[in-house]
Amino acid sequence: MKRTQVYLEDSQKKMLEKIAEQMNTSMGEIVREAINRYIAENQTGTAIDAIKKTQGLWKDRCDIKDSNGWVDDLRKEWNERLYISEDEQ
């Protein structure tokens, strides 16, 4: 861990002291946690960014069944391979 000095407004320091006391922790720990959250929210190139960018990409496609239909087709195929008729299910 590296030591860093930061200038805070008086009101910021007072609020940090109050929060630290309520949480029974140090101001430094609160600042580190806040920095970690800020970094996580603003990090680019992460897997979450990739997921967000592709969300809804195929929503307008008509050739793709819903997940239930897809699973039903897979089960039917498996049952056919195992020679199980639909009456036996």
N, C-alpha and C. Protein backbone atom coordinates (compact mmCIF):
# COMPACT_ATOMS: atom_id res chain seq x y z
N MET A 1 0.85 -1.17 0.00
CA MET A 1 0.00 0.00 0.00
C MET A 1 0.90 1.23 0.00
N LYS A 2 0.53 2.23 -0.78
CA LYS A 2 1.29 3.48 -0.87
C LYS A 2 0.55 4.59 -0.14
N ARG A 3 1.32 5.44 0.50
CA ARG A 3 0.74 6.58 1.21
C ARG A 3 0.53 7.71 0.22
N THR A 4 -0.65 8.36 0.29
CA THR A 4 -1.00 9.47 -0.58
C THR A 4 -1.68 10.55 0.23
N GLN A 5 -1.36 11.78 -0.08
CA GLN A 5 -2.02 12.90 0.58
C GLN A 5 -3.08 13.48 -0.35
N VAL A 6 -4.22 13.81 0.24
CA VAL A 6 -5.34 14.35 -0.53
C VAL A 6 -5.88 15.56 0.21
N TYR A 7 -6.18 16.62 -0.55
CA TYR A 7 -6.81 17.79 0.04
C TYR A 7 -8.32 17.61 0.03
N LEU A 8 -8.95 17.81 1.20
CA LEU A 8 -10.39 17.70 1.33
C LEU A 8 -10.97 19.02 1.79
N GLU A 9 -12.19 19.28 1.40
CA GLU A 9 -12.93 20.42 1.94
C GLU A 9 -13.20 20.11 3.41
N ASP A 10 -13.36 21.15 4.21
CA ASP A 10 -13.65 20.95 5.63
C ASP A 10 -14.89 20.08 5.82
N SER A 11 -15.92 20.34 5.02
CA SER A 11 -17.17 19.58 5.16
C SER A 11 -16.96 18.10 4.79
N GLN A 12 -16.11 17.84 3.81
CA GLN A 12 -15.82 16.46 3.43
C GLN A 12 -15.12 15.72 4.57
N LYS A 13 -14.16 16.38 5.17
CA LYS A 13 -13.41 15.76 6.27
C LYS A 13 -14.33 15.48 7.46
N LYS A 14 -15.20 16.43 7.77
CA LYS A 14 -16.13 16.24 8.89
C LYS A 14 -17.06 15.05 8.63
N MET A 15 -17.57 14.96 7.40
CA MET A 15 -18.47 13.85 7.07
C MET A 15 -17.73 12.52 7.12
N LEU A 16 -16.50 12.49 6.61
CA LEU A 16 -15.71 11.26 6.68
C LEU A 16 -15.46 10.84 8.12
N GLU A 17 -15.12 11.80 8.96
CA GLU A 17 -14.90 11.49 10.38
C GLU A 17 -16.16 10.91 11.01
N LYS A 18 -17.31 11.52 10.69
CA LYS A 18 -18.58 11.07 11.25
C LYS A 18 -18.91 9.65 10.77
N ILE A 19 -18.75 9.41 9.48
CA ILE A 19 -19.04 8.08 8.92
C ILE A 19 -18.08 7.04 9.50
N ALA A 20 -16.82 7.39 9.60
CA ALA A 20 -15.82 6.46 10.15
C ALA A 20 -16.18 6.08 11.59
N GLU A 21 -16.60 7.06 12.35
CA GLU A 21 -16.98 6.79 13.74
C GLU A 21 -18.20 5.87 13.79
N GLN A 22 -19.20 6.15 12.95
CA GLN A 22 -20.41 5.33 12.94
C GLN A 22 -20.11 3.89 12.51
N MET A 23 -19.18 3.74 11.58
CA MET A 23 -18.86 2.41 11.06
C MET A 23 -17.73 1.74 11.84
N ASN A 24 -17.22 2.44 12.83
CA ASN A 24 -16.13 1.93 13.66
C ASN A 24 -14.94 1.50 12.80
N THR A 25 -14.54 2.39 11.89
CA THR A 25 -13.41 2.13 11.01
C THR A 25 -12.64 3.44 10.80
N SER A 26 -11.61 3.38 10.02
CA SER A 26 -10.79 4.57 9.79
C SER A 26 -11.28 5.35 8.57
N MET A 27 -10.93 6.62 8.53
CA MET A 27 -11.25 7.44 7.36
C MET A 27 -10.54 6.88 6.14
N GLY A 28 -9.32 6.42 6.32
CA GLY A 28 -8.56 5.85 5.21
C GLY A 28 -9.27 4.66 4.58
N GLU A 29 -9.85 3.80 5.42
CA GLU A 29 -10.57 2.64 4.90
C GLU A 29 -11.79 3.07 4.10
N ILE A 30 -12.48 4.08 4.56
CA ILE A 30 -13.65 4.58 3.83
C ILE A 30 -13.23 5.18 2.49
N VAL A 31 -12.14 5.93 2.49
CA VAL A 31 -11.64 6.53 1.24
C VAL A 31 -11.22 5.43 0.27
N ARG A 32 -10.51 4.41 0.76
CA ARG A 32 -10.10 3.31 -0.12
C ARG A 32 -11.30 2.59 -0.72
N GLU A 33 -12.32 2.35 0.09
CA GLU A 33 -13.54 1.70 -0.39
C GLU A 33 -14.23 2.56 -1.45
N ALA A 34 -14.30 3.86 -1.20
CA ALA A 34 -14.93 4.77 -2.17
C ALA A 34 -14.15 4.79 -3.48
N ILE A 35 -12.84 4.77 -3.40
CA ILE A 35 -12.00 4.76 -4.60
C ILE A 35 -12.20 3.45 -5.37
N ASN A 36 -12.26 2.34 -4.65
CA ASN A 36 -12.49 1.05 -5.31
C ASN A 36 -13.83 1.03 -6.04
N ARG A 37 -14.86 1.58 -5.42
CA ARG A 37 -16.17 1.64 -6.08
C ARG A 37 -16.11 2.53 -7.32
N TYR A 38 -15.46 3.66 -7.20
CA TYR A 38 -15.34 4.59 -8.34
C TYR A 38 -14.61 3.92 -9.50
N ILE A 39 -13.53 3.24 -9.20
CA ILE A 39 -12.76 2.56 -10.24
C ILE A 39 -13.61 1.48 -10.90
N ALA A 40 -14.32 0.69 -10.10
CA ALA A 40 -15.15 -0.39 -10.65
C ALA A 40 -16.23 0.15 -11.56
N GLU A 41 -16.83 1.27 -11.19
CA GLU A 41 -17.90 1.86 -11.99
C GLU A 41 -17.39 2.49 -13.28
N ASN A 42 -16.14 2.90 -13.30
CA ASN A 42 -15.61 3.63 -14.45
C ASN A 42 -14.59 2.85 -15.26
N GLN A 43 -14.39 1.61 -14.90
CA GLN A 43 -13.42 0.78 -15.61
C GLN A 43 -13.98 0.41 -16.98
N THR A 44 -13.18 0.54 -18.01
CA THR A 44 -13.62 0.17 -19.35
C THR A 44 -12.89 -1.08 -19.80
N GLY A 45 -13.48 -1.75 -20.75
CA GLY A 45 -12.85 -2.94 -21.29
C GLY A 45 -13.04 -4.17 -20.43
N THR A 46 -13.97 -4.13 -19.51
CA THR A 46 -14.21 -5.29 -18.65
C THR A 46 -15.23 -6.22 -19.29
N ALA A 47 -15.38 -7.37 -18.72
CA ALA A 47 -16.37 -8.33 -19.21
C ALA A 47 -17.77 -7.75 -19.09
N ILE A 48 -18.01 -7.00 -18.03
CA ILE A 48 -19.34 -6.40 -17.84
C ILE A 48 -19.63 -5.41 -18.96
N ASP A 49 -18.63 -4.64 -19.37
CA ASP A 49 -18.82 -3.72 -20.50
C ASP A 49 -19.20 -4.48 -21.76
N ALA A 50 -18.53 -5.58 -22.00
CA ALA A 50 -18.82 -6.38 -23.19
C ALA A 50 -20.25 -6.91 -23.13
N ILE A 51 -20.68 -7.35 -21.98
CA ILE A 51 -22.05 -7.84 -21.83
C ILE A 51 -23.04 -6.72 -22.06
N LYS A 52 -22.78 -5.55 -21.49
CA LYS A 52 -23.69 -4.41 -21.67
C LYS A 52 -23.78 -4.00 -23.14
N LYS A 53 -22.67 -4.05 -23.85
CA LYS A 53 -22.67 -3.65 -25.26
C LYS A 53 -23.45 -4.63 -26.13
N THR A 54 -23.51 -5.90 -25.75
CA THR A 54 -24.20 -6.90 -26.56
C THR A 54 -25.62 -7.16 -26.10
N GLN A 55 -26.02 -6.56 -25.01
CA GLN A 55 -27.37 -6.79 -24.49
C GLN A 55 -28.41 -6.36 -25.52
N GLY A 56 -29.33 -7.25 -25.83
CA GLY A 56 -30.40 -6.96 -26.77
C GLY A 56 -30.00 -7.04 -28.24
N LEU A 57 -28.80 -7.50 -28.51
CA LEU A 57 -28.28 -7.53 -29.87
C LEU A 57 -29.17 -8.35 -30.81
N TRP A 58 -29.74 -9.44 -30.32
CA TRP A 58 -30.54 -10.33 -31.16
C TRP A 58 -32.03 -10.20 -30.87
N LYS A 59 -32.46 -9.15 -30.22
CA LYS A 59 -33.85 -9.06 -29.78
C LYS A 59 -34.85 -9.04 -30.94
N ASP A 60 -34.46 -8.57 -32.11
CA ASP A 60 -35.39 -8.47 -33.24
C ASP A 60 -35.30 -9.66 -34.20
N ARG A 61 -34.52 -10.66 -33.86
CA ARG A 61 -34.40 -11.81 -34.75
C ARG A 61 -35.61 -12.73 -34.60
N CYS A 62 -36.14 -13.16 -35.73
CA CYS A 62 -37.33 -14.03 -35.73
C CYS A 62 -36.96 -15.50 -35.84
N ASP A 63 -35.73 -15.79 -36.21
CA ASP A 63 -35.33 -17.17 -36.44
C ASP A 63 -34.84 -17.87 -35.18
N ILE A 64 -34.86 -17.19 -34.06
CA ILE A 64 -34.38 -17.76 -32.81
C ILE A 64 -35.57 -17.98 -31.89
N LYS A 65 -35.71 -19.22 -31.39
CA LYS A 65 -36.80 -19.53 -30.47
C LYS A 65 -36.49 -18.98 -29.09
N ASP A 66 -37.53 -18.94 -28.28
CA ASP A 66 -37.31 -18.59 -26.88
C ASP A 66 -36.60 -19.75 -26.20
N SER A 67 -36.08 -19.53 -25.04
CA SER A 67 -35.28 -20.56 -24.37
C SER A 67 -36.08 -21.82 -24.07
N ASN A 68 -37.36 -21.68 -23.74
CA ASN A 68 -38.17 -22.87 -23.45
C ASN A 68 -38.32 -23.74 -24.69
N GLY A 69 -38.56 -23.12 -25.84
CA GLY A 69 -38.67 -23.87 -27.09
C GLY A 69 -37.38 -24.56 -27.44
N TRP A 70 -36.28 -23.88 -27.20
CA TRP A 70 -34.96 -24.43 -27.49
C TRP A 70 -34.70 -25.66 -26.62
N VAL A 71 -35.00 -25.54 -25.33
CA VAL A 71 -34.80 -26.67 -24.41
C VAL A 71 -35.72 -27.83 -24.78
N ASP A 72 -36.97 -27.53 -25.12
CA ASP A 72 -37.90 -28.60 -25.52
C ASP A 72 -37.38 -29.35 -26.73
N ASP A 73 -36.85 -28.63 -27.71
CA ASP A 73 -36.29 -29.28 -28.91
C ASP A 73 -35.10 -30.16 -28.55
N LEU A 74 -34.24 -29.68 -27.67
CA LEU A 74 -33.10 -30.49 -27.24
C LEU A 74 -33.55 -31.77 -26.56
N ARG A 75 -34.53 -31.64 -25.68
CA ARG A 75 -35.02 -32.83 -24.97
C ARG A 75 -35.65 -33.82 -25.94
N LYS A 76 -36.40 -33.30 -26.91
CA LYS A 76 -37.01 -34.18 -27.91
C LYS A 76 -35.93 -34.94 -28.67
N GLU A 77 -34.88 -34.22 -29.06
CA GLU A 77 -33.78 -34.85 -29.78
C GLU A 77 -33.10 -35.91 -28.92
N TRP A 78 -32.86 -35.60 -27.66
CA TRP A 78 -32.24 -36.58 -26.76
C TRP A 78 -33.11 -37.82 -26.62
N ASN A 79 -34.41 -37.58 -26.44
CA ASN A 79 -35.34 -38.71 -26.29
C ASN A 79 -35.37 -39.57 -27.54
N GLU A 80 -35.31 -38.94 -28.71
CA GLU A 80 -35.28 -39.70 -29.96
C GLU A 80 -34.02 -40.55 -30.04
N ARG A 81 -32.92 -40.00 -29.59
CA ARG A 81 -31.67 -40.75 -29.59
C ARG A 81 -31.74 -41.95 -28.65
N LEU A 82 -32.46 -41.77 -27.57
CA LEU A 82 -32.60 -42.84 -26.58
C LEU A 82 -33.79 -43.75 -26.87
N TYR A 83 -34.48 -43.51 -28.00
CA TYR A 83 -35.64 -44.30 -28.42
C TYR A 83 -36.78 -44.23 -27.42
N ILE A 84 -36.98 -43.09 -26.85
CA ILE A 84 -38.10 -42.91 -25.93
C ILE A 84 -39.20 -42.19 -26.70
N SER A 85 -40.37 -42.80 -26.75
CA SER A 85 -41.46 -42.15 -27.46
C SER A 85 -42.04 -41.06 -26.58
N GLU A 86 -42.78 -40.14 -27.20
CA GLU A 86 -43.36 -39.04 -26.43
C GLU A 86 -44.42 -39.53 -25.47
N ASP A 87 -45.02 -40.70 -25.74
CA ASP A 87 -46.03 -41.26 -24.84
C ASP A 87 -45.43 -41.72 -23.52
N GLU A 88 -44.16 -42.09 -23.53
CA GLU A 88 -43.50 -42.62 -22.34
C GLU A 88 -42.99 -41.52 -21.41
N GLN A 89 -43.00 -40.29 -21.86
CA GLN A 89 -42.41 -39.20 -21.05
C GLN A 89 -43.27 -38.84 -19.88
